[in-house]
């Protein structure tokens, strides 16, 4: 059935959009383990006008995506608890 999810804050929506950009990158599941590449991604986020993330938040976002690489093997990556998968 239908279950109403609690509303998301603008910061949460921005974080989801930016994390989605990461997972749209070619071979992100492999390249996320290369600091040179993730350093570039962090710079992109720092320049993104939607982002007011601290450096610690940008680091956490990358570490969280690394954990999701295992899920990539299933063919689906859960973006958030709203059951949106890609």
PDB file of N, CA and C in Angstrom:
ATOM      1  N   UNK A   1       0.810  -1.188   0.000  1.00  0.00           N
ATOM      2  CA  UNK A   1       0.000   0.000   0.000  1.00  0.00           C
ATOM      3  C   UNK A   1       0.850   1.246   0.000  1.00  0.00           C
ATOM      4  N   UNK A   2       0.152   2.328   0.071  1.00  0.00           N
ATOM      5  CA  UNK A   2       0.781   3.647   0.056  1.00  0.00           C
ATOM      6  C   UNK A   2       1.101   4.077   1.474  1.00  0.00           C
ATOM      7  N   UNK A   3       2.308   4.522   1.679  1.00  0.00           N
ATOM      8  CA  UNK A   3       2.699   5.050   2.981  1.00  0.00           C
ATOM      9  C   UNK A   3       3.302   6.425   2.775  1.00  0.00           C
ATOM     10  N   UNK A   4       2.763   7.406   3.444  1.00  0.00           N
ATOM     11  CA  UNK A   4       3.254   8.777   3.304  1.00  0.00           C
ATOM     12  C   UNK A   4       4.585   8.916   4.047  1.00  0.00           C
ATOM     13  N   UNK A   5       5.583   9.384   3.329  1.00  0.00           N
ATOM     14  CA  UNK A   5       6.903   9.600   3.919  1.00  0.00           C
ATOM     15  C   UNK A   5       6.947  11.002   4.526  1.00  0.00           C
ATOM     16  N   UNK A   6       7.717  11.190   5.588  1.00  0.00           N
ATOM     17  CA  UNK A   6       7.838  12.539   6.146  1.00  0.00           C
ATOM     18  C   UNK A   6       8.530  13.448   5.131  1.00  0.00           C
ATOM     19  N   UNK A   7       8.197  14.727   5.139  1.00  0.00           N
ATOM     20  CA  UNK A   7       8.818  15.639   4.171  1.00  0.00           C
ATOM     21  C   UNK A   7      10.328  15.732   4.399  1.00  0.00           C
ATOM     22  N   UNK A   8      11.041  15.976   3.319  1.00  0.00           N
ATOM     23  CA  UNK A   8      12.496  16.142   3.389  1.00  0.00           C
ATOM     24  C   UNK A   8      12.831  17.625   3.452  1.00  0.00           C
ATOM     25  N   UNK A   9      13.920  17.944   4.121  1.00  0.00           N
ATOM     26  CA  UNK A   9      14.390  19.324   4.141  1.00  0.00           C
ATOM     27  C   UNK A   9      15.079  19.634   2.818  1.00  0.00           C
ATOM     28  N   UNK A  10      15.253  20.921   2.536  1.00  0.00           N
ATOM     29  CA  UNK A  10      15.963  21.306   1.314  1.00  0.00           C
ATOM     30  C   UNK A  10      17.383  20.754   1.309  1.00  0.00           C
ATOM     31  N   UNK A  11      18.023  20.737   2.470  1.00  0.00           N
ATOM     32  CA  UNK A  11      19.386  20.205   2.555  1.00  0.00           C
ATOM     33  C   UNK A  11      19.395  18.716   2.210  1.00  0.00           C
ATOM     34  N   UNK A  12      18.404  17.957   2.706  1.00  0.00           N
ATOM     35  CA  UNK A  12      18.327  16.533   2.389  1.00  0.00           C
ATOM     36  C   UNK A  12      18.096  16.313   0.896  1.00  0.00           C
ATOM     37  N   UNK A  13      17.222  17.112   0.312  1.00  0.00           N
ATOM     38  CA  UNK A  13      16.957  16.991  -1.125  1.00  0.00           C
ATOM     39  C   UNK A  13      18.221  17.304  -1.913  1.00  0.00           C
ATOM     40  N   UNK A  14      18.927  18.366  -1.526  1.00  0.00           N
ATOM     41  CA  UNK A  14      20.181  18.716  -2.205  1.00  0.00           C
ATOM     42  C   UNK A  14      21.201  17.597  -2.084  1.00  0.00           C
ATOM     43  N   UNK A  15      21.306  17.012  -0.889  1.00  0.00           N
ATOM     44  CA  UNK A  15      22.264  15.930  -0.686  1.00  0.00           C
ATOM     45  C   UNK A  15      21.916  14.738  -1.577  1.00  0.00           C
ATOM     46  N   UNK A  16      20.640  14.405  -1.671  1.00  0.00           N
ATOM     47  CA  UNK A  16      20.223  13.292  -2.527  1.00  0.00           C
ATOM     48  C   UNK A  16      20.536  13.575  -3.991  1.00  0.00           C
ATOM     49  N   UNK A  17      20.286  14.807  -4.438  1.00  0.00           N
ATOM     50  CA  UNK A  17      20.581  15.164  -5.826  1.00  0.00           C
ATOM     51  C   UNK A  17      22.077  15.064  -6.115  1.00  0.00           C
ATOM     52  N   UNK A  18      22.880  15.539  -5.199  1.00  0.00           N
ATOM     53  CA  UNK A  18      24.328  15.509  -5.401  1.00  0.00           C
ATOM     54  C   UNK A  18      24.854  14.077  -5.339  1.00  0.00           C
ATOM     55  N   UNK A  19      24.330  13.263  -4.429  1.00  0.00           N
ATOM     56  CA  UNK A  19      24.744  11.856  -4.382  1.00  0.00           C
ATOM     57  C   UNK A  19      24.321  11.141  -5.665  1.00  0.00           C
ATOM     58  N   UNK A  20      23.175  11.509  -6.196  1.00  0.00           N
ATOM     59  CA  UNK A  20      22.720  10.917  -7.447  1.00  0.00           C
ATOM     60  C   UNK A  20      23.668  11.276  -8.591  1.00  0.00           C
ATOM     61  N   UNK A  21      24.185  12.506  -8.587  1.00  0.00           N
ATOM     62  CA  UNK A  21      25.163  12.897  -9.611  1.00  0.00           C
ATOM     63  C   UNK A  21      26.399  12.009  -9.543  1.00  0.00           C
ATOM     64  N   UNK A  22      26.819  11.658  -8.338  1.00  0.00           N
ATOM     65  CA  UNK A  22      27.980  10.782  -8.179  1.00  0.00           C
ATOM     66  C   UNK A  22      27.710   9.423  -8.799  1.00  0.00           C
ATOM     67  N   UNK A  23      26.546   8.857  -8.504  1.00  0.00           N
ATOM     68  CA  UNK A  23      26.253   7.514  -9.008  1.00  0.00           C
ATOM     69  C   UNK A  23      25.907   7.508 -10.489  1.00  0.00           C
ATOM     70  N   UNK A  24      25.737   8.683 -11.085  1.00  0.00           N
ATOM     71  CA  UNK A  24      25.542   8.768 -12.535  1.00  0.00           C
ATOM     72  C   UNK A  24      26.875   8.796 -13.286  1.00  0.00           C
ATOM     73  N   UNK A  25      27.971   8.999 -12.585  1.00  0.00           N
ATOM     74  CA  UNK A  25      29.286   9.059 -13.232  1.00  0.00           C
ATOM     75  C   UNK A  25      29.683   7.667 -13.731  1.00  0.00           C
ATOM     76  N   UNK A  26      30.363   7.651 -14.858  1.00  0.00           N
ATOM     77  CA  UNK A  26      30.817   6.381 -15.437  1.00  0.00           C
ATOM     78  C   UNK A  26      31.731   5.655 -14.454  1.00  0.00           C
ATOM     79  N   UNK A  27      31.454   4.390 -14.230  1.00  0.00           N
ATOM     80  CA  UNK A  27      32.263   3.514 -13.379  1.00  0.00           C
ATOM     81  C   UNK A  27      32.497   4.065 -11.972  1.00  0.00           C
ATOM     82  N   UNK A  28      31.502   4.758 -11.428  1.00  0.00           N
ATOM     83  CA  UNK A  28      31.664   5.352 -10.101  1.00  0.00           C
ATOM     84  C   UNK A  28      31.988   4.300  -9.049  1.00  0.00           C
ATOM     85  N   UNK A  29      31.465   3.098  -9.207  1.00  0.00           N
ATOM     86  CA  UNK A  29      31.687   2.048  -8.224  1.00  0.00           C
ATOM     87  C   UNK A  29      33.129   1.576  -8.151  1.00  0.00           C
ATOM     88  N   UNK A  30      33.883   1.833  -9.186  1.00  0.00           N
ATOM     89  CA  UNK A  30      35.308   1.490  -9.198  1.00  0.00           C
ATOM     90  C   UNK A  30      36.150   2.720  -8.859  1.00  0.00           C
ATOM     91  N   UNK A  31      35.809   3.849  -9.483  1.00  0.00           N
ATOM     92  CA  UNK A  31      36.645   5.044  -9.344  1.00  0.00           C
ATOM     93  C   UNK A  31      36.493   5.735  -7.996  1.00  0.00           C
ATOM     94  N   UNK A  32      35.458   5.397  -7.241  1.00  0.00           N
ATOM     95  CA  UNK A  32      35.258   6.044  -5.943  1.00  0.00           C
ATOM     96  C   UNK A  32      36.371   5.691  -4.950  1.00  0.00           C
ATOM     97  N   UNK A  33      37.150   4.683  -5.251  1.00  0.00           N
ATOM     98  CA  UNK A  33      38.237   4.278  -4.357  1.00  0.00           C
ATOM     99  C   UNK A  33      39.556   4.990  -4.680  1.00  0.00           C
ATOM    100  N   UNK A  34      39.551   5.902  -5.654  1.00  0.00           N
ATOM    101  CA  UNK A  34      40.754   6.654  -6.027  1.00  0.00           C
ATOM    102  C   UNK A  34      40.643   8.082  -5.502  1.00  0.00           C
ATOM    103  N   UNK A  35      41.517   8.419  -4.564  1.00  0.00           N
ATOM    104  CA  UNK A  35      41.470   9.730  -3.916  1.00  0.00           C
ATOM    105  C   UNK A  35      41.578  10.881  -4.919  1.00  0.00           C
ATOM    106  N   UNK A  36      42.367  10.699  -5.956  1.00  0.00           N
ATOM    107  CA  UNK A  36      42.510  11.759  -6.965  1.00  0.00           C
ATOM    108  C   UNK A  36      41.154  12.076  -7.597  1.00  0.00           C
ATOM    109  N   UNK A  37      40.382  11.048  -7.866  1.00  0.00           N
ATOM    110  CA  UNK A  37      39.072  11.230  -8.495  1.00  0.00           C
ATOM    111  C   UNK A  37      38.068  11.781  -7.493  1.00  0.00           C
ATOM    112  N   UNK A  38      38.023  11.205  -6.299  1.00  0.00           N
ATOM    113  CA  UNK A  38      37.055  11.698  -5.314  1.00  0.00           C
ATOM    114  C   UNK A  38      37.388  13.119  -4.866  1.00  0.00           C
ATOM    115  N   UNK A  39      38.658  13.487  -4.920  1.00  0.00           N
ATOM    116  CA  UNK A  39      39.032  14.867  -4.626  1.00  0.00           C
ATOM    117  C   UNK A  39      38.396  15.827  -5.617  1.00  0.00           C
ATOM    118  N   UNK A  40      38.372  15.431  -6.884  1.00  0.00           N
ATOM    119  CA  UNK A  40      37.716  16.233  -7.921  1.00  0.00           C
ATOM    120  C   UNK A  40      36.222  16.325  -7.650  1.00  0.00           C
ATOM    121  N   UNK A  41      35.621  15.196  -7.274  1.00  0.00           N
ATOM    122  CA  UNK A  41      34.181  15.192  -6.983  1.00  0.00           C
ATOM    123  C   UNK A  41      33.860  16.120  -5.814  1.00  0.00           C
ATOM    124  N   UNK A  42      34.709  16.102  -4.802  1.00  0.00           N
ATOM    125  CA  UNK A  42      34.485  16.969  -3.638  1.00  0.00           C
ATOM    126  C   UNK A  42      34.576  18.441  -4.039  1.00  0.00           C
ATOM    127  N   UNK A  43      35.501  18.767  -4.939  1.00  0.00           N
ATOM    128  CA  UNK A  43      35.613  20.143  -5.425  1.00  0.00           C
ATOM    129  C   UNK A  43      34.363  20.543  -6.201  1.00  0.00           C
ATOM    130  N   UNK A  44      33.820  19.613  -6.998  1.00  0.00           N
ATOM    131  CA  UNK A  44      32.588  19.888  -7.740  1.00  0.00           C
ATOM    132  C   UNK A  44      31.446  20.215  -6.776  1.00  0.00           C
ATOM    133  N   UNK A  45      31.347  19.443  -5.706  1.00  0.00           N
ATOM    134  CA  UNK A  45      30.290  19.674  -4.717  1.00  0.00           C
ATOM    135  C   UNK A  45      30.494  21.024  -4.037  1.00  0.00           C
ATOM    136  N   UNK A  46      31.732  21.363  -3.735  1.00  0.00           N
ATOM    137  CA  UNK A  46      32.021  22.638  -3.074  1.00  0.00           C
ATOM    138  C   UNK A  46      31.599  23.817  -3.948  1.00  0.00           C
ATOM    139  N   UNK A  47      31.671  23.658  -5.267  1.00  0.00           N
ATOM    140  CA  UNK A  47      31.289  24.729  -6.196  1.00  0.00           C
ATOM    141  C   UNK A  47      29.795  24.728  -6.526  1.00  0.00           C
ATOM    142  N   UNK A  48      29.093  23.654  -6.192  1.00  0.00           N
ATOM    143  CA  UNK A  48      27.672  23.527  -6.532  1.00  0.00           C
ATOM    144  C   UNK A  48      26.857  24.521  -5.704  1.00  0.00           C
ATOM    145  N   UNK A  49      26.056  25.379  -6.354  1.00  0.00           N
ATOM    146  CA  UNK A  49      25.296  26.385  -5.605  1.00  0.00           C
ATOM    147  C   UNK A  49      24.249  25.790  -4.660  1.00  0.00           C
ATOM    148  N   UNK A  50      23.842  24.552  -4.882  1.00  0.00           N
ATOM    149  CA  UNK A  50      22.872  23.904  -3.985  1.00  0.00           C
ATOM    150  C   UNK A  50      23.533  23.408  -2.712  1.00  0.00           C
ATOM    151  N   UNK A  51      24.843  23.336  -2.716  1.00  0.00           N
ATOM    152  CA  UNK A  51      25.572  22.686  -1.628  1.00  0.00           C
ATOM    153  C   UNK A  51      26.042  23.695  -0.594  1.00  0.00           C
ATOM    154  N   UNK A  52      25.649  23.447   0.643  1.00  0.00           N
ATOM    155  CA  UNK A  52      26.240  24.202   1.751  1.00  0.00           C
ATOM    156  C   UNK A  52      26.916  23.217   2.700  1.00  0.00           C
ATOM    157  N   UNK A  53      27.450  22.146   2.120  1.00  0.00           N
ATOM    158  CA  UNK A  53      28.051  21.064   2.894  1.00  0.00           C
ATOM    159  C   UNK A  53      29.423  21.467   3.418  1.00  0.00           C
ATOM    160  N   UNK A  54      29.702  21.027   4.619  1.00  0.00           N
ATOM    161  CA  UNK A  54      31.030  21.218   5.197  1.00  0.00           C
ATOM    162  C   UNK A  54      31.980  20.195   4.560  1.00  0.00           C
ATOM    163  N   UNK A  55      33.292  20.393   4.697  1.00  0.00           N
ATOM    164  CA  UNK A  55      34.223  19.381   4.185  1.00  0.00           C
ATOM    165  C   UNK A  55      33.957  18.000   4.789  1.00  0.00           C
ATOM    166  N   UNK A  56      33.569  17.970   6.064  1.00  0.00           N
ATOM    167  CA  UNK A  56      33.263  16.683   6.702  1.00  0.00           C
ATOM    168  C   UNK A  56      32.050  16.016   6.059  1.00  0.00           C
ATOM    169  N   UNK A  57      31.069  16.809   5.693  1.00  0.00           N
ATOM    170  CA  UNK A  57      29.882  16.256   5.024  1.00  0.00           C
ATOM    171  C   UNK A  57      30.246  15.711   3.651  1.00  0.00           C
ATOM    172  N   UNK A  58      31.124  16.413   2.948  1.00  0.00           N
ATOM    173  CA  UNK A  58      31.560  15.927   1.627  1.00  0.00           C
ATOM    174  C   UNK A  58      32.329  14.618   1.776  1.00  0.00           C
ATOM    175  N   UNK A  59      33.174  14.521   2.798  1.00  0.00           N
ATOM    176  CA  UNK A  59      33.911  13.273   3.046  1.00  0.00           C
ATOM    177  C   UNK A  59      32.953  12.134   3.371  1.00  0.00           C
ATOM    178  N   UNK A  60      31.987  12.415   4.224  1.00  0.00           N
ATOM    179  CA  UNK A  60      31.021  11.381   4.621  1.00  0.00           C
ATOM    180  C   UNK A  60      30.239  10.873   3.413  1.00  0.00           C
ATOM    181  N   UNK A  61      29.866  11.798   2.539  1.00  0.00           N
ATOM    182  CA  UNK A  61      29.110  11.427   1.340  1.00  0.00           C
ATOM    183  C   UNK A  61      29.891  10.430   0.502  1.00  0.00           C
ATOM    184  N   UNK A  62      31.180  10.639   0.352  1.00  0.00           N
ATOM    185  CA  UNK A  62      32.020   9.712  -0.415  1.00  0.00           C
ATOM    186  C   UNK A  62      32.121   8.376   0.310  1.00  0.00           C
ATOM    187  N   UNK A  63      32.346   8.410   1.619  1.00  0.00           N
ATOM    188  CA  UNK A  63      32.458   7.161   2.384  1.00  0.00           C
ATOM    189  C   UNK A  63      31.157   6.364   2.330  1.00  0.00           C
ATOM    190  N   UNK A  64      30.041   7.059   2.384  1.00  0.00           N
ATOM    191  CA  UNK A  64      28.743   6.386   2.300  1.00  0.00           C
ATOM    192  C   UNK A  64      28.574   5.699   0.945  1.00  0.00           C
ATOM    193  N   UNK A  65      28.992   6.370  -0.115  1.00  0.00           N
ATOM    194  CA  UNK A  65      28.890   5.772  -1.458  1.00  0.00           C
ATOM    195  C   UNK A  65      29.796   4.550  -1.568  1.00  0.00           C
ATOM    196  N   UNK A  66      30.957   4.582  -0.918  1.00  0.00           N
ATOM    197  CA  UNK A  66      31.840   3.409  -0.943  1.00  0.00           C
ATOM    198  C   UNK A  66      31.124   2.197  -0.354  1.00  0.00           C
ATOM    199  N   UNK A  67      30.378   2.423   0.722  1.00  0.00           N
ATOM    200  CA  UNK A  67      29.615   1.325   1.333  1.00  0.00           C
ATOM    201  C   UNK A  67      28.544   0.807   0.387  1.00  0.00           C
ATOM    202  N   UNK A  68      28.029   1.664  -0.456  1.00  0.00           N
ATOM    203  CA  UNK A  68      26.961   1.265  -1.373  1.00  0.00           C
ATOM    204  C   UNK A  68      27.478   0.485  -2.584  1.00  0.00           C
ATOM    205  N   UNK A  69      28.779   0.459  -2.778  1.00  0.00           N
ATOM    206  CA  UNK A  69      29.336  -0.266  -3.922  1.00  0.00           C
ATOM    207  C   UNK A  69      28.932  -1.738  -3.876  1.00  0.00           C
ATOM    208  N   UNK A  70      28.907  -2.327  -2.683  1.00  0.00           N
ATOM    209  CA  UNK A  70      28.496  -3.728  -2.571  1.00  0.00           C
ATOM    210  C   UNK A  70      27.073  -3.927  -3.082  1.00  0.00           C
ATOM    211  N   UNK A  71      26.207  -2.972  -2.802  1.00  0.00           N
ATOM    212  CA  UNK A  71      24.825  -3.068  -3.267  1.00  0.00           C
ATOM    213  C   UNK A  71      24.773  -2.970  -4.787  1.00  0.00           C
ATOM    214  N   UNK A  72      25.726  -2.263  -5.376  1.00  0.00           N
ATOM    215  CA  UNK A  72      25.774  -2.139  -6.837  1.00  0.00           C
ATOM    216  C   UNK A  72      25.792  -3.512  -7.500  1.00  0.00           C
ATOM    217  N   UNK A  73      26.399  -4.467  -6.845  1.00  0.00           N
ATOM    218  CA  UNK A  73      26.487  -5.814  -7.407  1.00  0.00           C
ATOM    219  C   UNK A  73      25.105  -6.440  -7.613  1.00  0.00           C
ATOM    220  N   UNK A  74      24.087  -5.962  -6.902  1.00  0.00           N
ATOM    221  CA  UNK A  74      22.731  -6.490  -7.054  1.00  0.00           C
ATOM    222  C   UNK A  74      22.027  -5.896  -8.266  1.00  0.00           C
ATOM    223  N   UNK A  75      22.595  -4.817  -8.819  1.00  0.00           N
ATOM    224  CA  UNK A  75      21.965  -4.143  -9.945  1.00  0.00           C
ATOM    225  C   UNK A  75      21.054  -2.997  -9.534  1.00  0.00           C
ATOM    226  N   UNK A  76      20.892  -2.775  -8.234  1.00  0.00           N
ATOM    227  CA  UNK A  76      20.048  -1.680  -7.751  1.00  0.00           C
ATOM    228  C   UNK A  76      20.796  -0.935  -6.648  1.00  0.00           C
ATOM    229  N   UNK A  77      20.677   0.380  -6.669  1.00  0.00           N
ATOM    230  CA  UNK A  77      21.272   1.199  -5.622  1.00  0.00           C
ATOM    231  C   UNK A  77      20.151   2.007  -4.990  1.00  0.00           C
ATOM    232  N   UNK A  78      19.840   1.745  -3.726  1.00  0.00           N
ATOM    233  CA  UNK A  78      18.816   2.511  -3.025  1.00  0.00           C
ATOM    234  C   UNK A  78      19.359   3.902  -2.741  1.00  0.00           C
ATOM    235  N   UNK A  79      18.608   4.917  -3.121  1.00  0.00           N
ATOM    236  CA  UNK A  79      19.041   6.291  -2.936  1.00  0.00           C
ATOM    237  C   UNK A  79      18.607   6.816  -1.576  1.00  0.00           C
ATOM    238  N   UNK A  80      17.388   6.509  -1.175  1.00  0.00           N
ATOM    239  CA  UNK A  80      16.890   6.902   0.145  1.00  0.00           C
ATOM    240  C   UNK A  80      15.729   6.002   0.517  1.00  0.00           C
ATOM    241  N   UNK A  81      15.189   6.191   1.700  1.00  0.00           N
ATOM    242  CA  UNK A  81      14.173   5.285   2.220  1.00  0.00           C
ATOM    243  C   UNK A  81      12.833   5.377   1.505  1.00  0.00           C
ATOM    244  N   UNK A  82      12.719   6.235   0.527  1.00  0.00           N
ATOM    245  CA  UNK A  82      11.474   6.359  -0.221  1.00  0.00           C
ATOM    246  C   UNK A  82      11.325   5.314  -1.297  1.00  0.00           C
ATOM    247  N   UNK A  83      12.156   4.292  -1.261  1.00  0.00           N
ATOM    248  CA  UNK A  83      12.118   3.188  -2.218  1.00  0.00           C
ATOM    249  C   UNK A  83      12.391   3.620  -3.654  1.00  0.00           C
ATOM    250  N   UNK A  84      13.153   4.689  -3.826  1.00  0.00           N
ATOM    251  CA  UNK A  84      13.587   5.085  -5.156  1.00  0.00           C
ATOM    252  C   UNK A  84      14.850   4.306  -5.459  1.00  0.00           C
ATOM    253  N   UNK A  85      14.860   3.563  -6.551  1.00  0.00           N
ATOM    254  CA  UNK A  85      16.049   2.812  -6.938  1.00  0.00           C
ATOM    255  C   UNK A  85      16.406   3.155  -8.356  1.00  0.00           C
ATOM    256  N   UNK A  86      17.683   3.012  -8.668  1.00  0.00           N
ATOM    257  CA  UNK A  86      18.101   3.237 -10.053  1.00  0.00           C
ATOM    258  C   UNK A  86      18.903   2.071 -10.521  1.00  0.00           C
TER     259      UNK A  86
END
